[in-house]
Protein backbone atom coordinates (compact mmCIF):
# COMPACT_ATOMS: atom_id res chain seq x y z
CA MET A 1 -18.26 -0.39 22.84
CA ASP A 2 -18.74 1.84 25.89
CA PRO A 3 -22.09 1.13 27.64
CA ILE A 4 -22.28 4.83 28.50
CA SER A 5 -22.05 5.95 24.84
CA PHE A 6 -24.53 3.14 23.79
CA GLY A 7 -27.10 4.60 26.19
CA VAL A 8 -26.63 8.06 24.81
CA GLU A 9 -27.16 6.62 21.37
CA ILE A 10 -30.26 4.96 22.30
CA ILE A 11 -31.61 8.05 23.88
CA LEU A 12 -30.87 10.33 20.81
CA LEU A 13 -32.42 7.50 18.56
CA ALA A 14 -35.63 7.70 20.84
CA PHE A 15 -35.63 11.60 20.39
CA THR A 16 -35.35 11.19 16.51
CA ILE A 17 -38.15 8.88 16.41
CA ILE A 18 -40.23 11.02 18.64
CA PHE A 19 -39.51 14.33 16.93
CA GLY A 20 -40.03 12.73 13.53
CA VAL A 21 -43.37 11.33 14.52
CA SER A 22 -44.49 14.60 15.93
CA ALA A 23 -43.28 16.48 12.62
CA VAL A 24 -45.62 14.09 10.65
CA GLU A 25 -48.64 14.22 13.12
CA SER A 26 -48.57 17.89 14.06
CA LYS A 27 -51.72 19.78 12.87
CA ARG A 28 -49.93 23.17 12.84
CA LEU A 29 -46.99 23.59 10.33
CA VAL A 30 -44.83 25.83 12.38
CA TYR A 31 -44.66 22.89 15.13
CA ALA A 32 -44.14 20.48 12.31
CA ALA A 33 -41.00 22.34 11.02
CA VAL A 34 -39.53 22.85 14.43
CA SER A 35 -39.90 19.27 14.93
CA LEU A 36 -38.20 18.46 11.87
CA ALA A 37 -35.30 20.74 12.89
CA LEU A 38 -35.10 19.06 16.21
CA MET A 39 -35.20 15.73 14.45
CA SER A 40 -32.18 16.72 12.08
CA SER A 41 -30.34 18.05 15.23
CA SER A 42 -30.59 14.83 16.94
CA ILE A 43 -29.29 12.81 13.69
CA ALA A 44 -26.42 15.38 13.72
CA LEU A 45 -25.51 14.59 17.33
CA ILE A 46 -25.70 10.82 16.32
CA TYR A 47 -23.03 11.51 13.46
CA PHE A 48 -21.00 13.19 15.89
CA LEU A 49 -21.03 10.35 18.30
CA LEU A 50 -20.13 8.05 15.36
CA SER A 51 -17.18 9.97 14.79
CA ALA A 52 -18.48 11.61 11.67
CA PRO A 53 -17.88 15.29 12.20
CA TYR A 54 -18.04 16.54 8.77
CA VAL A 55 -21.45 14.79 8.13
CA GLY A 56 -22.78 16.10 11.32
CA VAL A 57 -21.85 19.75 10.35
CA LEU A 58 -23.48 19.41 7.03
CA GLN A 59 -26.69 17.89 8.72
CA LEU A 60 -26.69 20.79 10.91
CA LEU A 61 -26.21 23.45 8.19
CA ILE A 62 -28.42 22.20 5.61
CA TYR A 63 -31.11 20.14 7.21
CA ALA A 64 -31.55 21.59 10.61
CA GLY A 65 -30.62 25.26 9.45
CA ALA A 66 -31.34 26.19 5.90
CA LEU A 67 -34.26 23.88 5.02
CA THR A 68 -36.03 24.70 8.28
CA ILE A 69 -35.54 28.37 7.55
CA LEU A 70 -37.07 27.86 4.13
CA PHE A 71 -39.98 26.02 5.49
CA LEU A 72 -40.73 28.74 8.01
CA ALA A 73 -40.39 31.63 5.38
CA THR A 74 -42.71 29.61 3.22
CA ILE A 75 -45.32 29.00 6.08
CA SER A 76 -45.10 32.72 7.13
CA LEU A 77 -45.63 33.96 3.62
CA THR A 78 -48.67 31.68 2.88
CA ARG A 79 -50.15 32.10 6.38
CA GLY A 80 -53.53 33.57 5.28
CA GLU A 81 -54.76 30.46 3.41
CA GLU A 82 -54.03 28.06 6.45
CA GLU A 83 -56.37 29.82 8.78
CA GLU A 84 -59.40 29.98 6.50
């Protein structure tokens, strides 16, 4: 195993954990949805580094893309009740 790629994997793993914790602990729903998208993107990058490009593309398309857009649309449509 190349030490440089091992270091990159460790950094991506740290980003994944940081974004995951911030998605759970965030008080604002929009920030939580964006943190979830960033966590999913870093997981997709880990898949690409592990030579699984199809899984990485599906991770980006479904979780970082479509699911985040659905969350943001739902948050924007129900915005009035959150602020009360």
